[in-house]
Amino acid sequence: MPESALMRVDLFDFDLPDERIALRPAEPRDSARLLVIDPNAESSLSDHRVGDLTSFLRAGDALVFNDTKVIPAQLEGVRHRDGAGGQQVSATLHMRVGASRWKAFARPGKRIKEGDRISFGHSGESCFLGSLDATVEEKGEAGEVTLLFDLSGPALDEAIAAVGHIPLPPYIAAKRPEDERDRADYQTIYARDEGAVAAPTAGLHFTPRLFDALDSAGIERHFVTLHVGAGTFLPVKADDTADHKMHLESGYVSAEIAARLNAVRERGGRIVCVGTTSLRLIESAAEESGEIMPWAGATGIFITPGYRFKAVDMLMTNFHLPRSTLFMLVSAFSGLDTMRAAYDHAIQTGYRFYSYGDASLLFRKD
């Protein structure tokens, strides 16, 4: 299979006016704009609303959703070392690696050392039955650490829920603080399996009304799980795509869902992924033949132009950051020239970008 090609990262750069970044979602959710992008059509771009989605699908197609649930993974605390403490520390959990262990991005990363103790809580105060404490077990690159918590399993989950904050994307958090609205806004209506640090944002547009319309049109809905990590927000700092390292994200595709999706393909239906996270998971689970297999584990799949898609026919996704791995992915799916033109159109016509922004529906380039 041809793998993703080596490419210069600056090919995926573009200028985005600050006012195009959405700070709140559309109300109602399915009223957001939808840019339909079909590189195989004579007119490749057309403007619609998310509520029009069924117009571009056929009976027998299958939407694949990521049912991960965002946890309040932003923790604030105080670092202690050799009996002394006092330094404020922020940690963003991004992947669970055991009943009591999480990988996290910590700030200020340079000052944290292995063996440090951190007491997490509101404003650095310990809470939840006396404490939510952790030891820095390992220190990696770019501020990544492995935290070994004193609590484990469900008790740890409850403590994180009690003291944590919703980790808004940095391009929103830089403009306003997280509030109670975000606890609902930054969660899909079908979120089920806790473990994500970031929402699968294409799914934020779906409402019970839109689900009813999909059901009436004979369009199937299937759910997989990929726990989105904070690495999704990290910029690509390398000059060439080959030098960028993707952070791992854990997920699974059940045997039942794999069989149902393969049945859709066999009868001529299309696999339509809602979000880049479900696409990355399905492509990780797919064989060269396109058959989707049951799958569980961590994926670091990095998709750039030159990648041959094995199973996914269409993709619904939001508008992504310049120089991001996600803009590279959509460029691989529908073509770099097509996507650059589509993003230019979106910017010029007032589409709202990023997590709380508008959506696009991409057809795979032949």
Protein backbone atom coordinates (compact mmCIF):
# COMPACT_ATOMS: atom_id res chain seq x y z
CA MET A 1 0.00 0.00 0.00
CA PRO A 2 1.37 3.47 -0.79
CA GLU A 3 2.04 5.17 2.50
CA SER A 4 1.66 8.87 3.16
CA ALA A 5 4.23 10.82 1.21
CA LEU A 6 7.00 12.97 2.65
CA MET A 7 5.77 16.56 2.31
CA ARG A 8 6.72 20.00 3.50
CA VAL A 9 4.54 21.13 6.39
CA ASP A 10 4.28 24.67 5.02
CA LEU A 11 2.16 23.31 2.16
CA PHE A 12 -0.62 23.00 4.75
CA ASP A 13 -0.37 26.57 6.03
CA PHE A 14 -3.00 29.26 5.46
CA ASP A 15 -4.02 32.58 6.98
CA LEU A 16 -7.04 32.44 9.26
CA PRO A 17 -8.56 35.68 10.56
CA ASP A 18 -9.01 35.60 14.32
CA GLU A 19 -12.71 36.39 14.07
CA ARG A 20 -13.35 33.09 12.26
CA ILE A 21 -12.65 31.09 15.45
CA ALA A 22 -15.96 30.06 17.06
CA LEU A 23 -16.20 30.54 20.83
CA ARG A 24 -19.68 28.98 21.21
CA PRO A 25 -21.53 26.37 19.15
CA ALA A 26 -24.46 27.15 16.86
CA GLU A 27 -27.93 26.98 18.42
CA PRO A 28 -29.55 24.62 17.69
CA ARG A 29 -26.56 22.42 16.94
CA ASP A 30 -27.81 21.18 13.56
CA SER A 31 -28.25 24.77 12.30
CA ALA A 32 -24.47 25.06 11.78
CA ARG A 33 -23.31 25.59 8.21
CA LEU A 34 -22.17 22.63 6.13
CA LEU A 35 -19.74 23.01 3.23
CA VAL A 36 -20.08 20.03 0.90
CA ILE A 37 -16.79 19.27 -0.85
CA ASP A 38 -16.82 16.83 -3.78
CA PRO A 39 -13.52 16.85 -5.70
CA ASN A 40 -15.03 14.52 -8.31
CA ALA A 41 -17.88 16.89 -9.22
CA GLU A 42 -17.78 19.68 -11.80
CA SER A 43 -18.75 22.14 -9.07
CA SER A 44 -16.78 20.89 -6.07
CA LEU A 45 -18.16 23.25 -3.39
CA SER A 46 -21.71 23.96 -2.22
CA ASP A 47 -23.09 25.68 0.87
CA HIS A 48 -25.73 24.06 3.08
CA ARG A 49 -26.73 23.45 6.72
CA VAL A 50 -25.97 20.41 8.86
CA GLY A 51 -29.71 19.72 8.93
CA ASP A 52 -29.47 19.04 5.17
CA LEU A 53 -27.11 16.10 5.70
CA THR A 54 -29.60 13.43 4.59
CA SER A 55 -29.76 15.08 1.14
CA PHE A 56 -26.22 13.86 0.42
CA LEU A 57 -26.61 10.32 1.72
CA ARG A 58 -28.45 7.26 0.41
CA ALA A 59 -30.51 4.58 2.08
CA GLY A 60 -28.08 1.83 3.08
CA ASP A 61 -25.20 4.20 3.85
CA ALA A 62 -23.75 4.00 7.37
CA LEU A 63 -22.61 6.83 9.59
CA VAL A 64 -19.81 5.90 12.00
CA PHE A 65 -19.73 7.92 15.23
CA ASN A 66 -17.13 8.06 17.99
CA ASP A 67 -18.99 7.62 21.28
CA THR A 68 -16.10 8.63 23.54
CA LYS A 69 -17.03 10.90 26.45
CA VAL A 70 -14.96 13.90 27.48
CA ILE A 71 -13.74 13.89 31.07
CA PRO A 72 -12.73 16.98 33.10
CA ALA A 73 -9.09 16.22 32.45
CA GLN A 74 -7.56 19.62 33.21
CA LEU A 75 -6.09 19.45 36.73
CA GLU A 76 -4.54 22.26 38.78
CA GLY A 77 -2.28 21.48 41.72
CA VAL A 78 0.83 22.15 43.77
CA ARG A 79 4.17 20.37 43.34
CA HIS A 80 6.08 19.05 46.36
CA ARG A 81 9.71 17.96 46.40
CA ASP A 82 11.92 16.91 49.32
CA GLY A 83 9.29 18.02 51.79
CA ALA A 84 9.00 21.47 50.21
CA GLY A 85 6.20 22.64 47.97
CA GLY A 86 4.37 25.64 46.68
CA GLN A 87 4.86 25.67 42.90
CA GLN A 88 1.62 25.73 40.93
CA VAL A 89 1.33 22.95 38.32
CA SER A 90 -1.19 22.33 35.55
CA ALA A 91 -1.67 18.87 34.06
CA THR A 92 -3.82 17.85 31.12
CA LEU A 93 -4.49 14.10 31.19
CA HIS A 94 -4.42 12.64 27.69
CA MET A 95 -4.21 8.84 27.83
CA ARG A 96 -4.91 6.33 30.56
CA VAL A 97 -2.24 3.63 30.80
CA GLY A 98 -3.46 1.75 33.86
CA ALA A 99 -5.97 1.76 36.70
CA SER A 100 -3.96 4.42 38.53
CA ARG A 101 -1.74 5.83 35.77
CA TRP A 102 -2.31 8.58 33.22
CA LYS A 103 -0.02 10.19 30.67
CA ALA A 104 -0.36 13.96 30.86
CA PHE A 105 1.05 17.20 29.51
CA ALA A 106 2.33 19.21 32.47
CA ARG A 107 3.21 22.89 32.82
CA PRO A 108 5.73 24.19 33.66
CA GLY A 109 7.22 21.03 32.17
CA LYS A 110 10.91 21.91 32.50
CA ARG A 111 10.74 22.25 36.28
CA ILE A 112 8.99 18.96 36.95
CA LYS A 113 11.17 15.97 37.78
CA GLU A 114 10.61 12.27 38.27
CA GLY A 115 9.66 11.56 41.86
CA ASP A 116 7.88 14.87 42.41
CA ARG A 117 4.61 14.71 44.32
CA ILE A 118 1.66 16.77 43.09
CA SER A 119 -1.49 17.54 45.10
CA PHE A 120 -4.37 18.32 42.79
CA GLY A 121 -7.50 20.25 43.68
CA HIS A 122 -9.27 23.56 43.20
CA SER A 123 -6.74 26.39 43.49
CA GLY A 124 -4.14 23.90 44.60
CA GLU A 125 -6.09 22.80 47.66
CA SER A 126 -6.41 19.07 48.29
CA CYS A 127 -9.92 17.67 48.22
CA PHE A 128 -12.01 14.54 47.67
CA LEU A 129 -11.71 12.57 50.87
CA GLY A 130 -8.58 14.46 51.80
CA SER A 131 -6.46 14.29 48.65
CA LEU A 132 -5.97 13.68 44.98
CA ASP A 133 -2.26 13.11 44.95
CA ALA A 134 0.08 11.71 42.34
CA THR A 135 3.76 10.93 41.83
CA VAL A 136 5.60 11.87 38.65
CA GLU A 137 6.66 8.37 37.62
CA GLU A 138 8.25 9.20 34.27
CA LYS A 139 9.15 12.33 32.33
CA GLY A 140 9.15 12.40 28.54
CA GLU A 141 9.55 15.02 25.85
CA ALA A 142 7.65 18.28 25.38
CA GLY A 143 6.29 18.35 28.93
CA GLU A 144 4.76 14.87 28.84
CA VAL A 145 4.78 12.96 32.14
CA THR A 146 3.35 9.72 33.50
CA LEU A 147 1.40 10.32 36.71
CA LEU A 148 0.92 7.53 39.24
CA PHE A 149 -2.12 8.48 41.35
CA ASP A 150 -2.64 7.31 44.92
CA LEU A 151 -6.22 6.42 43.97
CA SER A 152 -7.16 3.75 41.43
CA GLY A 153 -10.05 2.67 39.22
CA PRO A 154 -13.51 4.14 39.91
CA ALA A 155 -12.24 6.04 42.97
CA LEU A 156 -9.74 7.86 40.76
CA ASP A 157 -12.42 8.56 38.16
CA GLU A 158 -14.64 10.14 40.80
CA ALA A 159 -11.80 12.27 42.12
CA ILE A 160 -10.90 13.54 38.66
CA ALA A 161 -14.56 14.39 38.03
CA ALA A 162 -14.69 16.27 41.33
CA VAL A 163 -11.61 18.47 40.89
CA GLY A 164 -11.01 18.57 37.14
CA HIS A 165 -12.04 21.10 34.52
CA ILE A 166 -13.13 20.59 30.92
CA PRO A 167 -9.92 21.12 28.91
CA LEU A 168 -11.13 23.58 26.29
CA PRO A 169 -8.99 23.73 23.15
CA PRO A 170 -6.21 26.32 23.57
CA TYR A 171 -7.61 28.56 20.82
CA ILE A 172 -10.83 28.92 22.85
CA ALA A 173 -9.27 28.90 26.32
CA ALA A 174 -7.01 31.79 25.29
CA LYS A 175 -10.10 33.94 24.68
CA ARG A 176 -12.40 32.99 27.56
CA PRO A 177 -12.50 30.72 30.61
CA GLU A 178 -14.35 27.40 30.72
CA ASP A 179 -17.82 27.64 32.24
CA GLU A 180 -20.81 25.44 33.05
CA ARG A 181 -22.18 25.70 29.50
CA ASP A 182 -19.08 23.93 28.21
CA ARG A 183 -19.87 20.83 30.28
CA ALA A 184 -22.86 20.29 27.96
CA ASP A 185 -21.69 22.07 24.80
CA TYR A 186 -18.38 20.17 24.61
CA GLN A 187 -20.05 16.75 24.65
CA THR A 188 -21.92 14.85 21.94
CA ILE A 189 -25.49 13.78 22.69
CA TYR A 190 -24.41 10.13 22.31
CA ALA A 191 -21.22 10.26 24.43
CA ARG A 192 -20.98 7.04 26.43
CA ASP A 193 -17.47 5.73 27.10
CA GLU A 194 -15.48 8.07 29.38
CA GLY A 195 -11.85 8.73 28.56
CA ALA A 196 -11.48 11.57 26.03
CA VAL A 197 -9.65 14.80 26.71
CA ALA A 198 -11.12 16.46 23.63
CA ALA A 199 -14.52 16.07 22.00
CA PRO A 200 -14.94 14.39 18.60
CA THR A 201 -16.19 17.75 17.41
CA ALA A 202 -17.96 16.80 14.17
CA GLY A 203 -20.39 14.88 16.38
CA LEU A 204 -21.31 18.03 18.30
CA HIS A 205 -23.63 19.01 15.42
CA PHE A 206 -26.01 16.09 15.86
CA THR A 207 -29.41 16.42 17.53
CA PRO A 208 -32.27 14.00 18.21
CA ARG A 209 -34.12 15.68 15.34
CA LEU A 210 -31.27 14.95 12.93
CA PHE A 211 -31.03 11.37 14.16
CA ASP A 212 -34.75 10.96 13.44
CA ALA A 213 -34.23 12.28 9.91
CA LEU A 214 -31.37 9.84 9.32
CA ASP A 215 -33.47 6.94 10.57
CA SER A 216 -36.37 7.93 8.28
CA ALA A 217 -33.98 8.06 5.31
CA GLY A 218 -32.73 4.51 5.95
CA ILE A 219 -29.22 5.60 6.96
CA GLU A 220 -27.56 3.39 9.56
CA ARG A 221 -25.80 4.63 12.69
CA HIS A 222 -22.89 2.73 14.23
CA PHE A 223 -20.62 3.58 17.14
CA VAL A 224 -16.92 2.99 17.72
CA THR A 225 -14.69 4.41 20.46
CA LEU A 226 -11.45 6.37 20.18
CA HIS A 227 -10.43 8.34 23.27
CA VAL A 228 -9.21 11.63 21.85
CA GLY A 229 -6.00 12.87 23.47
CA ALA A 230 -4.60 16.35 24.04
CA GLY A 231 -2.03 15.58 21.36
CA THR A 232 -4.71 16.48 18.82
CA PHE A 233 -4.08 20.15 19.70
CA LEU A 234 -0.31 20.05 19.38
CA PRO A 235 1.09 21.96 16.41
CA VAL A 236 3.33 20.30 13.87
CA LYS A 237 6.73 21.86 14.56
CA ALA A 238 8.71 19.78 12.05
CA ASP A 239 9.51 21.09 8.57
CA ASP A 240 8.66 17.76 6.93
CA THR A 241 5.74 15.48 7.75
CA ALA A 242 8.09 12.50 8.14
CA ASP A 243 9.63 14.14 11.20
CA HIS A 244 6.36 14.59 13.12
CA LYS A 245 5.52 12.05 15.82
CA MET A 246 1.83 11.39 16.48
CA HIS A 247 0.70 10.80 20.07
CA LEU A 248 -1.08 7.50 20.62
CA GLU A 249 -4.82 7.33 21.27
CA SER A 250 -6.61 4.22 22.50
CA GLY A 251 -9.83 2.81 21.10
CA TYR A 252 -11.70 -0.21 19.84
CA VAL A 253 -14.03 -1.53 17.16
CA SER A 254 -16.22 -4.40 18.35
CA ALA A 255 -16.66 -7.60 16.32
CA GLU A 256 -20.36 -6.78 15.95
CA ILE A 257 -19.73 -3.32 14.53
CA ALA A 258 -16.99 -4.60 12.20
CA ALA A 259 -19.39 -7.22 10.80
CA ARG A 260 -22.18 -4.67 10.30
CA LEU A 261 -19.90 -2.21 8.51
CA ASN A 262 -18.54 -4.95 6.26
CA ALA A 263 -22.14 -5.88 5.39
CA VAL A 264 -22.79 -2.26 4.42
CA ARG A 265 -19.81 -2.28 2.06
CA GLU A 266 -20.77 -5.64 0.55
CA ARG A 267 -24.21 -4.42 -0.47
CA GLY A 268 -22.87 -1.20 -1.98
CA GLY A 269 -23.47 1.21 0.88
CA ARG A 270 -20.95 3.86 1.81
CA ILE A 271 -19.02 4.21 5.05
CA VAL A 272 -19.39 7.82 6.24
CA CYS A 273 -17.21 8.71 9.21
CA VAL A 274 -18.36 11.48 11.51
CA GLY A 275 -15.08 13.06 12.53
CA THR A 276 -11.42 12.40 11.87
CA THR A 277 -11.23 10.30 15.03
CA SER A 278 -13.67 7.66 13.76
CA LEU A 279 -11.93 7.73 10.36
CA ARG A 280 -8.51 7.15 11.90
CA LEU A 281 -9.89 4.27 13.95
CA ILE A 282 -11.66 2.60 11.00
CA GLU A 283 -8.57 2.95 8.82
CA SER A 284 -6.46 1.45 11.64
CA ALA A 285 -8.84 -1.52 11.81
CA ALA A 286 -9.12 -2.07 8.04
CA GLU A 287 -7.20 -4.67 6.07
CA GLU A 288 -5.61 -3.91 2.69
CA SER A 289 -8.72 -5.40 1.07
CA GLY A 290 -10.93 -2.87 2.85
CA GLU A 291 -12.38 -5.44 5.24
CA ILE A 292 -12.85 -3.93 8.69
CA MET A 293 -11.62 -6.16 11.49
CA PRO A 294 -12.39 -6.15 15.22
CA TRP A 295 -9.71 -3.98 16.73
CA ALA A 296 -8.51 -2.75 20.12
CA GLY A 297 -5.39 -0.89 21.12
CA ALA A 298 -3.57 2.39 20.61
CA THR A 299 -3.24 4.00 17.21
CA GLY A 300 -0.80 6.63 16.05
CA ILE A 301 -1.86 6.54 12.40
CA PHE A 302 -0.73 9.71 10.61
CA ILE A 303 -2.54 10.33 7.32
CA THR A 304 -1.12 12.76 4.77
CA PRO A 305 -1.50 13.04 0.96
CA GLY A 306 -0.32 9.82 -0.66
CA TYR A 307 -2.19 7.60 1.80
CA ARG A 308 -4.58 5.11 0.15
CA PHE A 309 -7.85 4.93 2.06
CA LYS A 310 -9.03 1.38 2.57
CA ALA A 311 -12.58 1.55 3.90
CA VAL A 312 -13.93 5.10 4.33
CA ASP A 313 -15.94 6.73 1.52
CA MET A 314 -17.06 10.05 3.03
CA LEU A 315 -16.06 12.21 5.99
CA MET A 316 -17.94 14.82 7.99
CA THR A 317 -15.57 17.06 9.91
CA ASN A 318 -15.08 20.58 11.24
CA PHE A 319 -12.59 23.13 9.92
CA HIS A 320 -9.07 22.60 11.22
CA LEU A 321 -5.98 24.55 12.17
CA PRO A 322 -3.28 25.59 9.69
CA ARG A 323 -0.30 23.21 9.63
CA SER A 324 -2.24 20.64 11.65
CA THR A 325 -2.28 16.88 11.22
CA LEU A 326 -6.05 17.12 10.70
CA PHE A 327 -5.76 19.53 7.77
CA MET A 328 -3.22 17.10 6.33
CA LEU A 329 -5.74 14.27 6.76
CA VAL A 330 -8.57 16.06 4.94
CA SER A 331 -6.11 17.04 2.20
CA ALA A 332 -5.25 13.37 1.78
CA PHE A 333 -8.95 12.52 1.60
CA SER A 334 -10.17 15.08 -0.94
CA GLY A 335 -6.94 16.47 -2.40
CA LEU A 336 -4.70 19.30 -1.22
CA ASP A 337 -5.69 21.74 -3.99
CA THR A 338 -9.38 21.05 -3.39
CA MET A 339 -9.06 21.59 0.35
CA ARG A 340 -7.03 24.77 0.01
CA ALA A 341 -9.75 26.13 -2.27
CA ALA A 342 -12.46 24.94 0.12
CA TYR A 343 -10.83 26.61 3.13
CA ASP A 344 -10.34 29.83 1.19
CA HIS A 345 -14.06 29.75 0.29
CA ALA A 346 -14.97 29.05 3.92
CA ILE A 347 -12.88 31.95 5.20
CA GLN A 348 -14.20 34.37 2.58
CA THR A 349 -17.86 33.44 3.18
CA GLY A 350 -17.82 33.52 6.97
CA TYR A 351 -17.69 29.87 8.06
CA ARG A 352 -16.81 29.41 11.74
CA PHE A 353 -13.69 27.34 12.47
CA TYR A 354 -12.49 24.74 14.97
CA SER A 355 -14.22 22.82 17.75
CA TYR A 356 -17.37 24.93 18.11
CA GLY A 357 -17.44 25.91 14.45
CA ASP A 358 -19.22 24.82 11.30
CA ALA A 359 -18.84 21.52 9.45
CA SER A 360 -17.82 20.15 6.08
CA LEU A 361 -18.86 16.97 4.27
CA LEU A 362 -16.05 15.51 2.17
CA PHE A 363 -16.28 13.01 -0.65
CA ARG A 364 -13.15 10.90 -1.17
CA LYS A 365 -11.16 11.87 -4.23
CA ASP A 366 -11.25 9.17 -6.91
